[in-house]
Amino acid sequence: ALHADVDSWAEWNADVDEAKLDGPLLPGNSFRWKTHGLDITSTVQEVV
């Protein structure tokens, strides 16, 4: 639950400045996050 709640990463991971999942945690959906000064968009490929 902690790891899959992308929107809360910044609350417990000091290296993540912010994170926002676009929709549910499902393949094909993306999340935008900032870490180590980088703006990253990652796409979920698989969830079990």
ModelCIF file with pLDDT and N, C-alpha, C, O atoms, coordinates in Angstrom:
data_MODEL
#
_entry.id   MODEL 
#
_entity.id                         1 
_entity.type                       polymer 
_entity.pdbx_number_of_molecules   1 
#
_entity_poly.entity_id                      1 
_entity_poly.type                           'polypeptide(L)' 
_entity_poly.nstd_linkage                   no 
_entity_poly.nstd_monomer                   no 
_entity_poly.pdbx_seq_one_letter_code       ALHADVDSWAEWNADVDEAKLDGPLLPGNSFRWKTHGLDITSTVQEVV 
_entity_poly.pdbx_seq_one_letter_code_can   ALHADVDSWAEWNADVDEAKLDGPLLPGNSFRWKTHGLDITSTVQEVV 
_entity_poly.pdbx_strand_id                 A 
#
loop_
_entity_poly_seq.entity_id 
_entity_poly_seq.num 
_entity_poly_seq.mon_id 
_entity_poly_seq.hetero 
1 1  ALA n 
1 2  LEU n 
1 3  HIS n 
1 4  ALA n 
1 5  ASP n 
1 6  VAL n 
1 7  ASP n 
1 8  SER n 
1 9  TRP n 
1 10 ALA n 
1 11 GLU n 
1 12 TRP n 
1 13 ASN n 
1 14 ALA n 
1 15 ASP n 
1 16 VAL n 
1 17 ASP n 
1 18 GLU n 
1 19 ALA n 
1 20 LYS n 
1 21 LEU n 
1 22 ASP n 
1 23 GLY n 
1 24 PRO n 
1 25 LEU n 
1 26 LEU n 
1 27 PRO n 
1 28 GLY n 
1 29 ASN n 
1 30 SER n 
1 31 PHE n 
1 32 ARG n 
1 33 TRP n 
1 34 LYS n 
1 35 THR n 
1 36 HIS n 
1 37 GLY n 
1 38 LEU n 
1 39 ASP n 
1 40 ILE n 
1 41 THR n 
1 42 SER n 
1 43 THR n 
1 44 VAL n 
1 45 GLN n 
1 46 GLU n 
1 47 VAL n 
1 48 VAL n 
#
_struct_asym.id          A 
_struct_asym.entity_id   1 
#
loop_
_ma_qa_metric.id 
_ma_qa_metric.mode 
_ma_qa_metric.name 
_ma_qa_metric.software_group_id 
_ma_qa_metric.type 
1 global pLDDT . pLDDT 
2 local  pLDDT . pLDDT 
#
_ma_qa_metric_global.metric_id      1 
_ma_qa_metric_global.metric_value   95.25 
_ma_qa_metric_global.model_id       1 
_ma_qa_metric_global.ordinal_id     1 
#
loop_
_ma_qa_metric_local.label_asym_id 
_ma_qa_metric_local.label_comp_id 
_ma_qa_metric_local.label_seq_id 
_ma_qa_metric_local.metric_id 
_ma_qa_metric_local.metric_value 
_ma_qa_metric_local.model_id 
_ma_qa_metric_local.ordinal_id 
A ALA 1  2 96.00 1 1  
A LEU 2  2 96.00 1 2  
A HIS 3  2 97.00 1 3  
A ALA 4  2 97.00 1 4  
A ASP 5  2 97.00 1 5  
A VAL 6  2 97.00 1 6  
A ASP 7  2 97.00 1 7  
A SER 8  2 97.00 1 8  
A TRP 9  2 97.00 1 9  
A ALA 10 2 96.00 1 10 
A GLU 11 2 96.00 1 11 
A TRP 12 2 96.00 1 12 
A ASN 13 2 96.00 1 13 
A ALA 14 2 95.00 1 14 
A ASP 15 2 94.00 1 15 
A VAL 16 2 96.00 1 16 
A ASP 17 2 96.00 1 17 
A GLU 18 2 96.00 1 18 
A ALA 19 2 97.00 1 19 
A LYS 20 2 97.00 1 20 
A LEU 21 2 97.00 1 21 
A ASP 22 2 95.00 1 22 
A GLY 23 2 94.00 1 23 
A PRO 24 2 96.00 1 24 
A LEU 25 2 96.00 1 25 
A LEU 26 2 97.00 1 26 
A PRO 27 2 97.00 1 27 
A GLY 28 2 97.00 1 28 
A ASN 29 2 97.00 1 29 
A SER 30 2 97.00 1 30 
A PHE 31 2 97.00 1 31 
A ARG 32 2 96.00 1 32 
A TRP 33 2 95.00 1 33 
A LYS 34 2 93.00 1 34 
A THR 35 2 90.00 1 35 
A HIS 36 2 84.00 1 36 
A GLY 37 2 85.00 1 37 
A LEU 38 2 85.00 1 38 
A ASP 39 2 90.00 1 39 
A ILE 40 2 93.00 1 40 
A THR 41 2 95.00 1 41 
A SER 42 2 96.00 1 42 
A THR 43 2 97.00 1 43 
A VAL 44 2 98.00 1 44 
A GLN 45 2 97.00 1 45 
A GLU 46 2 97.00 1 46 
A VAL 47 2 98.00 1 47 
A VAL 48 2 97.00 1 48 
#
loop_
_atom_site.group_PDB 
_atom_site.id 
_atom_site.type_symbol 
_atom_site.label_atom_id 
_atom_site.label_alt_id 
_atom_site.label_comp_id 
_atom_site.label_asym_id 
_atom_site.label_entity_id 
_atom_site.label_seq_id 
_atom_site.pdbx_PDB_ins_code 
_atom_site.Cartn_x 
_atom_site.Cartn_y 
_atom_site.Cartn_z 
_atom_site.occupancy 
_atom_site.B_iso_or_equiv 
_atom_site.pdbx_formal_charge 
_atom_site.auth_seq_id 
_atom_site.auth_comp_id 
_atom_site.auth_asym_id 
_atom_site.auth_atom_id 
_atom_site.pdbx_PDB_model_num 
ATOM 1   N N  . ALA A 1 1  ? 0.831  -1.209 0.000   1.00 96.00 ? 1  ALA A N  1 
ATOM 2   C CA . ALA A 1 1  ? 0.000  0.000  0.000   1.00 96.00 ? 1  ALA A CA 1 
ATOM 3   C C  . ALA A 1 1  ? 0.866  1.260  0.000   1.00 96.00 ? 1  ALA A C  1 
ATOM 4   O O  . ALA A 1 1  ? 0.563  2.215  -0.715  1.00 96.00 ? 1  ALA A O  1 
ATOM 5   N N  . LEU A 1 2  ? 1.923  1.272  0.781   1.00 96.00 ? 2  LEU A N  1 
ATOM 6   C CA . LEU A 1 2  ? 2.828  2.431  0.797   1.00 96.00 ? 2  LEU A CA 1 
ATOM 7   C C  . LEU A 1 2  ? 3.468  2.648  -0.571  1.00 96.00 ? 2  LEU A C  1 
ATOM 8   O O  . LEU A 1 2  ? 3.492  3.763  -1.092  1.00 96.00 ? 2  LEU A O  1 
ATOM 9   N N  . HIS A 1 3  ? 3.979  1.575  -1.135  1.00 97.00 ? 3  HIS A N  1 
ATOM 10  C CA . HIS A 1 3  ? 4.704  1.699  -2.393  1.00 97.00 ? 3  HIS A CA 1 
ATOM 11  C C  . HIS A 1 3  ? 3.778  1.994  -3.571  1.00 97.00 ? 3  HIS A C  1 
ATOM 12  O O  . HIS A 1 3  ? 4.150  2.729  -4.486  1.00 97.00 ? 3  HIS A O  1 
ATOM 13  N N  . ALA A 1 4  ? 2.591  1.432  -3.550  1.00 97.00 ? 4  ALA A N  1 
ATOM 14  C CA . ALA A 1 4  ? 1.659  1.606  -4.667  1.00 97.00 ? 4  ALA A CA 1 
ATOM 15  C C  . ALA A 1 4  ? 0.925  2.944  -4.630  1.00 97.00 ? 4  ALA A C  1 
ATOM 16  O O  . ALA A 1 4  ? 0.305  3.330  -5.620  1.00 97.00 ? 4  ALA A O  1 
ATOM 17  N N  . ASP A 1 5  ? 0.984  3.649  -3.517  1.00 97.00 ? 5  ASP A N  1 
ATOM 18  C CA . ASP A 1 5  ? 0.345  4.966  -3.400  1.00 97.00 ? 5  ASP A CA 1 
ATOM 19  C C  . ASP A 1 5  ? 1.334  6.034  -3.875  1.00 97.00 ? 5  ASP A C  1 
ATOM 20  O O  . ASP A 1 5  ? 1.950  6.736  -3.074  1.00 97.00 ? 5  ASP A O  1 
ATOM 21  N N  . VAL A 1 6  ? 1.466  6.134  -5.186  1.00 97.00 ? 6  VAL A N  1 
ATOM 22  C CA . VAL A 1 6  ? 2.446  7.031  -5.806  1.00 97.00 ? 6  VAL A CA 1 
ATOM 23  C C  . VAL A 1 6  ? 2.308  8.458  -5.278  1.00 97.00 ? 6  VAL A C  1 
ATOM 24  O O  . VAL A 1 6  ? 3.311  9.122  -5.013  1.00 97.00 ? 6  VAL A O  1 
ATOM 25  N N  . ASP A 1 7  ? 1.071  8.932  -5.123  1.00 97.00 ? 7  ASP A N  1 
ATOM 26  C CA . ASP A 1 7  ? 0.845  10.314 -4.697  1.00 97.00 ? 7  ASP A CA 1 
ATOM 27  C C  . ASP A 1 7  ? 1.418  10.613 -3.311  1.00 97.00 ? 7  ASP A C  1 
ATOM 28  O O  . ASP A 1 7  ? 1.622  11.780 -2.977  1.00 97.00 ? 7  ASP A O  1 
ATOM 29  N N  . SER A 1 8  ? 1.680  9.593  -2.502  1.00 97.00 ? 8  SER A N  1 
ATOM 30  C CA . SER A 1 8  ? 2.202  9.832  -1.148  1.00 97.00 ? 8  SER A CA 1 
ATOM 31  C C  . SER A 1 8  ? 3.714  9.588  -1.026  1.00 97.00 ? 8  SER A C  1 
ATOM 32  O O  . SER A 1 8  ? 4.264  9.704  0.069   1.00 97.00 ? 8  SER A O  1 
ATOM 33  N N  . TRP A 1 9  ? 4.378  9.259  -2.110  1.00 97.00 ? 9  TRP A N  1 
ATOM 34  C CA . TRP A 1 9  ? 5.814  8.974  -2.013  1.00 97.00 ? 9  TRP A CA 1 
ATOM 35  C C  . TRP A 1 9  ? 6.597  10.071 -1.310  1.00 97.00 ? 9  TRP A C  1 
ATOM 36  O O  . TRP A 1 9  ? 7.466  9.785  -0.486  1.00 97.00 ? 9  TRP A O  1 
ATOM 37  N N  . ALA A 1 10 ? 6.298  11.310 -1.625  1.00 96.00 ? 10 ALA A N  1 
ATOM 38  C CA . ALA A 1 10 ? 7.057  12.428 -1.050  1.00 96.00 ? 10 ALA A CA 1 
ATOM 39  C C  . ALA A 1 10 ? 6.892  12.522 0.467   1.00 96.00 ? 10 ALA A C  1 
ATOM 40  O O  . ALA A 1 10 ? 7.712  13.146 1.140   1.00 96.00 ? 10 ALA A O  1 
ATOM 41  N N  . GLU A 1 11 ? 5.844  11.910 1.008   1.00 96.00 ? 11 GLU A N  1 
ATOM 42  C CA . GLU A 1 11 ? 5.621  11.941 2.456   1.00 96.00 ? 11 GLU A CA 1 
ATOM 43  C C  . GLU A 1 11 ? 6.614  11.072 3.214   1.00 96.00 ? 11 GLU A C  1 
ATOM 44  O O  . GLU A 1 11 ? 6.919  11.356 4.372   1.00 96.00 ? 11 GLU A O  1 
ATOM 45  N N  . TRP A 1 12 ? 7.122  10.021 2.584   1.00 96.00 ? 12 TRP A N  1 
ATOM 46  C CA . TRP A 1 12 ? 8.014  9.122  3.294   1.00 96.00 ? 12 TRP A CA 1 
ATOM 47  C C  . TRP A 1 12 ? 9.372  8.923  2.616   1.00 96.00 ? 12 TRP A C  1 
ATOM 48  O O  . TRP A 1 12 ? 10.274 8.331  3.209   1.00 96.00 ? 12 TRP A O  1 
ATOM 49  N N  . ASN A 1 13 ? 9.527  9.405  1.397   1.00 96.00 ? 13 ASN A N  1 
ATOM 50  C CA . ASN A 1 13 ? 10.789 9.254  0.681   1.00 96.00 ? 13 ASN A CA 1 
ATOM 51  C C  . ASN A 1 13 ? 11.384 10.642 0.447   1.00 96.00 ? 13 ASN A C  1 
ATOM 52  O O  . ASN A 1 13 ? 10.912 11.388 -0.410  1.00 96.00 ? 13 ASN A O  1 
ATOM 53  N N  . ALA A 1 14 ? 12.409 10.980 1.204   1.00 95.00 ? 14 ALA A N  1 
ATOM 54  C CA . ALA A 1 14 ? 13.003 12.320 1.147   1.00 95.00 ? 14 ALA A CA 1 
ATOM 55  C C  . ALA A 1 14 ? 13.582 12.658 -0.227  1.00 95.00 ? 14 ALA A C  1 
ATOM 56  O O  . ALA A 1 14 ? 13.754 13.835 -0.545  1.00 95.00 ? 14 ALA A O  1 
ATOM 57  N N  . ASP A 1 15 ? 13.882 11.654 -1.044  1.00 94.00 ? 15 ASP A N  1 
ATOM 58  C CA . ASP A 1 15 ? 14.434 11.895 -2.377  1.00 94.00 ? 15 ASP A CA 1 
ATOM 59  C C  . ASP A 1 15 ? 13.372 12.254 -3.410  1.00 94.00 ? 15 ASP A C  1 
ATOM 60  O O  . ASP A 1 15 ? 13.705 12.684 -4.514  1.00 94.00 ? 15 ASP A O  1 
ATOM 61  N N  . VAL A 1 16 ? 12.105 12.085 -3.067  1.00 96.00 ? 16 VAL A N  1 
ATOM 62  C CA . VAL A 1 16 ? 11.012 12.410 -3.987  1.00 96.00 ? 16 VAL A CA 1 
ATOM 63  C C  . VAL A 1 16 ? 10.383 13.725 -3.540  1.00 96.00 ? 16 VAL A C  1 
ATOM 64  O O  . VAL A 1 16 ? 9.837  13.825 -2.441  1.00 96.00 ? 16 VAL A O  1 
ATOM 65  N N  . ASP A 1 17 ? 10.467 14.732 -4.410  1.00 96.00 ? 17 ASP A N  1 
ATOM 66  C CA . ASP A 1 17 ? 9.917  16.046 -4.076  1.00 96.00 ? 17 ASP A CA 1 
ATOM 67  C C  . ASP A 1 17 ? 8.406  16.087 -4.270  1.00 96.00 ? 17 ASP A C  1 
ATOM 68  O O  . ASP A 1 17 ? 7.696  16.722 -3.491  1.00 96.00 ? 17 ASP A O  1 
ATOM 69  N N  . GLU A 1 18 ? 7.919  15.418 -5.295  1.00 96.00 ? 18 GLU A N  1 
ATOM 70  C CA . GLU A 1 18 ? 6.481  15.300 -5.522  1.00 96.00 ? 18 GLU A CA 1 
ATOM 71  C C  . GLU A 1 18 ? 6.239  14.170 -6.507  1.00 96.00 ? 18 GLU A C  1 
ATOM 72  O O  . GLU A 1 18 ? 7.121  13.801 -7.283  1.00 96.00 ? 18 GLU A O  1 
ATOM 73  N N  . ALA A 1 19 ? 5.025  13.626 -6.463  1.00 97.00 ? 19 ALA A N  1 
ATOM 74  C CA . ALA A 1 19 ? 4.641  12.543 -7.375  1.00 97.00 ? 19 ALA A CA 1 
ATOM 75  C C  . ALA A 1 19 ? 3.131  12.571 -7.547  1.00 97.00 ? 19 ALA A C  1 
ATOM 76  O O  . ALA A 1 19 ? 2.390  12.770 -6.584  1.00 97.00 ? 19 ALA A O  1 
ATOM 77  N N  . LYS A 1 20 ? 2.684  12.370 -8.775  1.00 97.00 ? 20 LYS A N  1 
ATOM 78  C CA . LYS A 1 20 ? 1.246  12.410 -9.062  1.00 97.00 ? 20 LYS A CA 1 
ATOM 79  C C  . LYS A 1 20 ? 0.929  11.384 -10.134 1.00 97.00 ? 20 LYS A C  1 
ATOM 80  O O  . LYS A 1 20 ? 1.431  11.466 -11.256 1.00 97.00 ? 20 LYS A O  1 
ATOM 81  N N  . LEU A 1 21 ? 0.093  10.415 -9.782  1.00 97.00 ? 21 LEU A N  1 
ATOM 82  C CA . LEU A 1 21 ? -0.350 9.378  -10.704 1.00 97.00 ? 21 LEU A CA 1 
ATOM 83  C C  . LEU A 1 21 ? -1.564 9.880  -11.470 1.00 97.00 ? 21 LEU A C  1 
ATOM 84  O O  . LEU A 1 21 ? -2.498 10.423 -10.879 1.00 97.00 ? 21 LEU A O  1 
ATOM 85  N N  . ASP A 1 22 ? -1.550 9.696  -12.793 1.00 95.00 ? 22 ASP A N  1 
ATOM 86  C CA . ASP A 1 22 ? -2.678 10.073 -13.646 1.00 95.00 ? 22 ASP A CA 1 
ATOM 87  C C  . ASP A 1 22 ? -3.636 8.896  -13.738 1.00 95.00 ? 22 ASP A C  1 
ATOM 88  O O  . ASP A 1 22 ? -3.487 8.034  -14.603 1.00 95.00 ? 22 ASP A O  1 
ATOM 89  N N  . GLY A 1 23 ? -4.624 8.861  -12.843 1.00 94.00 ? 23 GLY A N  1 
ATOM 90  C CA . GLY A 1 23 ? -5.586 7.764  -12.845 1.00 94.00 ? 23 GLY A CA 1 
ATOM 91  C C  . GLY A 1 23 ? -5.167 6.659  -11.907 1.00 94.00 ? 23 GLY A C  1 
ATOM 92  O O  . GLY A 1 23 ? -4.285 6.855  -11.072 1.00 94.00 ? 23 GLY A O  1 
ATOM 93  N N  . PRO A 1 24 ? -5.791 5.488  -12.031 1.00 96.00 ? 24 PRO A N  1 
ATOM 94  C CA . PRO A 1 24 ? -5.438 4.362  -11.158 1.00 96.00 ? 24 PRO A CA 1 
ATOM 95  C C  . PRO A 1 24 ? -4.098 3.744  -11.547 1.00 96.00 ? 24 PRO A C  1 
ATOM 96  O O  . PRO A 1 24 ? -3.588 3.967  -12.645 1.00 96.00 ? 24 PRO A O  1 
ATOM 97  N N  . LEU A 1 25 ? -3.546 2.972  -10.634 1.00 96.00 ? 25 LEU A N  1 
ATOM 98  C CA . LEU A 1 25 ? -2.267 2.306  -10.868 1.00 96.00 ? 25 LEU A CA 1 
ATOM 99  C C  . LEU A 1 25 ? -2.504 1.086  -11.756 1.00 96.00 ? 25 LEU A C  1 
ATOM 100 O O  . LEU A 1 25 ? -2.650 -0.041 -11.282 1.00 96.00 ? 25 LEU A O  1 
ATOM 101 N N  . LEU A 1 26 ? -2.538 1.355  -13.064 1.00 97.00 ? 26 LEU A N  1 
ATOM 102 C CA . LEU A 1 26 ? -2.796 0.317  -14.058 1.00 97.00 ? 26 LEU A CA 1 
ATOM 103 C C  . LEU A 1 26 ? -1.831 0.471  -15.225 1.00 97.00 ? 26 LEU A C  1 
ATOM 104 O O  . LEU A 1 26 ? -1.380 1.581  -15.507 1.00 97.00 ? 26 LEU A O  1 
ATOM 105 N N  . PRO A 1 27 ? -1.504 -0.632 -15.910 1.00 97.00 ? 27 PRO A N  1 
ATOM 106 C CA . PRO A 1 27 ? -0.634 -0.537 -17.079 1.00 97.00 ? 27 PRO A CA 1 
ATOM 107 C C  . PRO A 1 27 ? -1.169 0.473  -18.086 1.00 97.00 ? 27 PRO A C  1 
ATOM 108 O O  . PRO A 1 27 ? -2.366 0.522  -18.366 1.00 97.00 ? 27 PRO A O  1 
ATOM 109 N N  . GLY A 1 28 ? -0.258 1.275  -18.621 1.00 97.00 ? 28 GLY A N  1 
ATOM 110 C CA . GLY A 1 28 ? -0.603 2.299  -19.593 1.00 97.00 ? 28 GLY A CA 1 
ATOM 111 C C  . GLY A 1 28 ? -0.766 3.669  -18.974 1.00 97.00 ? 28 GLY A C  1 
ATOM 112 O O  . GLY A 1 28 ? -0.628 4.676  -19.669 1.00 97.00 ? 28 GLY A O  1 
ATOM 113 N N  . ASN A 1 29 ? -1.055 3.736  -17.681 1.00 97.00 ? 29 ASN A N  1 
ATOM 114 C CA . ASN A 1 29 ? -1.167 5.028  -17.017 1.00 97.00 ? 29 ASN A CA 1 
ATOM 115 C C  . ASN A 1 29 ? 0.225  5.531  -16.636 1.00 97.00 ? 29 ASN A C  1 
ATOM 116 O O  . ASN A 1 29 ? 1.160  4.750  -16.457 1.00 97.00 ? 29 ASN A O  1 
ATOM 117 N N  . SER A 1 30 ? 0.337  6.836  -16.518 1.00 97.00 ? 30 SER A N  1 
ATOM 118 C CA . SER A 1 30 ? 1.631  7.451  -16.212 1.00 97.00 ? 30 SER A CA 1 
ATOM 119 C C  . SER A 1 30 ? 1.581  8.193  -14.886 1.00 97.00 ? 30 SER A C  1 
ATOM 120 O O  . SER A 1 30 ? 0.513  8.514  -14.365 1.00 97.00 ? 30 SER A O  1 
ATOM 121 N N  . PHE A 1 31 ? 2.758  8.451  -14.363 1.00 97.00 ? 31 PHE A N  1 
ATOM 122 C CA . PHE A 1 31 ? 2.861  9.335  -13.209 1.00 97.00 ? 31 PHE A CA 1 
ATOM 123 C C  . PHE A 1 31 ? 4.028  10.286 -13.436 1.00 97.00 ? 31 PHE A C  1 
ATOM 124 O O  . PHE A 1 31 ? 5.051  9.936  -14.025 1.00 97.00 ? 31 PHE A O  1 
ATOM 125 N N  . ARG A 1 32 ? 3.832  11.491 -12.949 1.00 96.00 ? 32 ARG A N  1 
ATOM 126 C CA . ARG A 1 32 ? 4.866  12.513 -13.031 1.00 96.00 ? 32 ARG A CA 1 
ATOM 127 C C  . ARG A 1 32 ? 5.466  12.669 -11.643 1.00 96.00 ? 32 ARG A C  1 
ATOM 128 O O  . ARG A 1 32 ? 4.750  12.708 -10.643 1.00 96.00 ? 32 ARG A O  1 
ATOM 129 N N  . TRP A 1 33 ? 6.797  12.758 -11.598 1.00 95.00 ? 33 TRP A N  1 
ATOM 130 C CA . TRP A 1 33 ? 7.437  12.904 -10.301 1.00 95.00 ? 33 TRP A CA 1 
ATOM 131 C C  . TRP A 1 33 ? 8.738  13.671 -10.436 1.00 95.00 ? 33 TRP A C  1 
ATOM 132 O O  . TRP A 1 33 ? 9.345  13.736 -11.505 1.00 95.00 ? 33 TRP A O  1 
ATOM 133 N N  . LYS A 1 34 ? 9.141  14.242 -9.329  1.00 93.00 ? 34 LYS A N  1 
ATOM 134 C CA . LYS A 1 34 ? 10.380 15.011 -9.283  1.00 93.00 ? 34 LYS A CA 1 
ATOM 135 C C  . LYS A 1 34 ? 11.292 14.381 -8.244  1.00 93.00 ? 34 LYS A C  1 
ATOM 136 O O  . LYS A 1 34 ? 10.899 14.146 -7.101  1.00 93.00 ? 34 LYS A O  1 
ATOM 137 N N  . THR A 1 35 ? 12.524 14.112 -8.673  1.00 90.00 ? 35 THR A N  1 
ATOM 138 C CA . THR A 1 35 ? 13.526 13.523 -7.795  1.00 90.00 ? 35 THR A CA 1 
ATOM 139 C C  . THR A 1 35 ? 14.910 13.975 -8.239  1.00 90.00 ? 35 THR A C  1 
ATOM 140 O O  . THR A 1 35 ? 15.203 14.011 -9.434  1.00 90.00 ? 35 THR A O  1 
ATOM 141 N N  . HIS A 1 36 ? 15.744 14.312 -7.297  1.00 84.00 ? 36 HIS A N  1 
ATOM 142 C CA . HIS A 1 36 ? 17.123 14.712 -7.591  1.00 84.00 ? 36 HIS A CA 1 
ATOM 143 C C  . HIS A 1 36 ? 17.184 15.808 -8.657  1.00 84.00 ? 36 HIS A C  1 
ATOM 144 O O  . HIS A 1 36 ? 18.093 15.815 -9.487  1.00 84.00 ? 36 HIS A O  1 
ATOM 145 N N  . GLY A 1 37 ? 16.223 16.731 -8.637  1.00 85.00 ? 37 GLY A N  1 
ATOM 146 C CA . GLY A 1 37 ? 16.208 17.833 -9.588  1.00 85.00 ? 37 GLY A CA 1 
ATOM 147 C C  . GLY A 1 37 ? 15.689 17.483 -10.967 1.00 85.00 ? 37 GLY A C  1 
ATOM 148 O O  . GLY A 1 37 ? 15.724 18.323 -11.867 1.00 85.00 ? 37 GLY A O  1 
ATOM 149 N N  . LEU A 1 38 ? 15.208 16.264 -11.158 1.00 85.00 ? 38 LEU A N  1 
ATOM 150 C CA . LEU A 1 38 ? 14.708 15.837 -12.459 1.00 85.00 ? 38 LEU A CA 1 
ATOM 151 C C  . LEU A 1 38 ? 13.185 15.765 -12.454 1.00 85.00 ? 38 LEU A C  1 
ATOM 152 O O  . LEU A 1 38 ? 12.578 15.312 -11.483 1.00 85.00 ? 38 LEU A O  1 
ATOM 153 N N  . ASP A 1 39 ? 12.579 16.214 -13.541 1.00 90.00 ? 39 ASP A N  1 
ATOM 154 C CA . ASP A 1 39 ? 11.152 16.026 -13.771 1.00 90.00 ? 39 ASP A CA 1 
ATOM 155 C C  . ASP A 1 39 ? 11.001 14.792 -14.645 1.00 90.00 ? 39 ASP A C  1 
ATOM 156 O O  . ASP A 1 39 ? 11.497 14.761 -15.770 1.00 90.00 ? 39 ASP A O  1 
ATOM 157 N N  . ILE A 1 40 ? 10.319 13.777 -14.134 1.00 93.00 ? 40 ILE A N  1 
ATOM 158 C CA . ILE A 1 40 ? 10.236 12.494 -14.820 1.00 93.00 ? 40 ILE A CA 1 
ATOM 159 C C  . ILE A 1 40 ? 8.772  12.124 -15.044 1.00 93.00 ? 40 ILE A C  1 
ATOM 160 O O  . ILE A 1 40 ? 7.924  12.337 -14.178 1.00 93.00 ? 40 ILE A O  1 
ATOM 161 N N  . THR A 1 41 ? 8.496  11.572 -16.209 1.00 95.00 ? 41 THR A N  1 
ATOM 162 C CA . THR A 1 41 ? 7.207  10.938 -16.457 1.00 95.00 ? 41 THR A CA 1 
ATOM 163 C C  . THR A 1 41 ? 7.477  9.465  -16.703 1.00 95.00 ? 41 THR A C  1 
ATOM 164 O O  . THR A 1 41 ? 8.187  9.100  -17.640 1.00 95.00 ? 41 THR A O  1 
ATOM 165 N N  . SER A 1 42 ? 6.907  8.628  -15.859 1.00 96.00 ? 42 SER A N  1 
ATOM 166 C CA . SER A 1 42 ? 7.069  7.175  -15.985 1.00 96.00 ? 42 SER A CA 1 
ATOM 167 C C  . SER A 1 42 ? 5.729  6.564  -16.356 1.00 96.00 ? 42 SER A C  1 
ATOM 168 O O  . SER A 1 42 ? 4.677  7.029  -15.917 1.00 96.00 ? 42 SER A O  1 
ATOM 169 N N  . THR A 1 43 ? 5.780  5.522  -17.166 1.00 97.00 ? 43 THR A N  1 
ATOM 170 C CA . THR A 1 43 ? 4.570  4.813  -17.571 1.00 97.00 ? 43 THR A CA 1 
ATOM 171 C C  . THR A 1 43 ? 4.557  3.440  -16.911 1.00 97.00 ? 43 THR A C  1 
ATOM 172 O O  . THR A 1 43 ? 5.537  2.698  -16.968 1.00 97.00 ? 43 THR A O  1 
ATOM 173 N N  . VAL A 1 44 ? 3.429  3.115  -16.282 1.00 98.00 ? 44 VAL A N  1 
ATOM 174 C CA . VAL A 1 44 ? 3.263  1.819  -15.646 1.00 98.00 ? 44 VAL A CA 1 
ATOM 175 C C  . VAL A 1 44 ? 3.141  0.767  -16.751 1.00 98.00 ? 44 VAL A C  1 
ATOM 176 O O  . VAL A 1 44 ? 2.315  0.897  -17.655 1.00 98.00 ? 44 VAL A O  1 
ATOM 177 N N  . GLN A 1 45 ? 3.962  -0.263 -16.667 1.00 97.00 ? 45 GLN A N  1 
ATOM 178 C CA . GLN A 1 45 ? 3.963  -1.321 -17.669 1.00 97.00 ? 45 GLN A CA 1 
ATOM 179 C C  . GLN A 1 45 ? 3.286  -2.596 -17.181 1.00 97.00 ? 45 GLN A C  1 
ATOM 180 O O  . GLN A 1 45 ? 2.705  -3.339 -17.972 1.00 97.00 ? 45 GLN A O  1 
ATOM 181 N N  . GLU A 1 46 ? 3.363  -2.845 -15.881 1.00 97.00 ? 46 GLU A N  1 
ATOM 182 C CA . GLU A 1 46 ? 2.811  -4.077 -15.333 1.00 97.00 ? 46 GLU A CA 1 
ATOM 183 C C  . GLU A 1 46 ? 2.485  -3.876 -13.863 1.00 97.00 ? 46 GLU A C  1 
ATOM 184 O O  . GLU A 1 46 ? 3.244  -3.233 -13.137 1.00 97.00 ? 46 GLU A O  1 
ATOM 185 N N  . VAL A 1 47 ? 1.362  -4.422 -13.425 1.00 98.00 ? 47 VAL A N  1 
ATOM 186 C CA . VAL A 1 47 ? 0.995  -4.408 -12.012 1.00 98.00 ? 47 VAL A CA 1 
ATOM 187 C C  . VAL A 1 47 ? 0.395  -5.764 -11.654 1.00 98.00 ? 47 VAL A C  1 
ATOM 188 O O  . VAL A 1 47 ? -0.580 -6.209 -12.259 1.00 98.00 ? 47 VAL A O  1 
ATOM 189 N N  . VAL A 1 48 ? 0.994  -6.405 -10.666 1.00 97.00 ? 48 VAL A N  1 
ATOM 190 C CA . VAL A 1 48 ? 0.422  -7.595 -10.055 1.00 97.00 ? 48 VAL A CA 1 
ATOM 191 C C  . VAL A 1 48 ? 0.230  -7.203 -8.589  1.00 97.00 ? 48 VAL A C  1 
ATOM 192 O O  . VAL A 1 48 ? -0.245 -8.011 -7.791  1.00 97.00 ? 48 VAL A O  1 
#
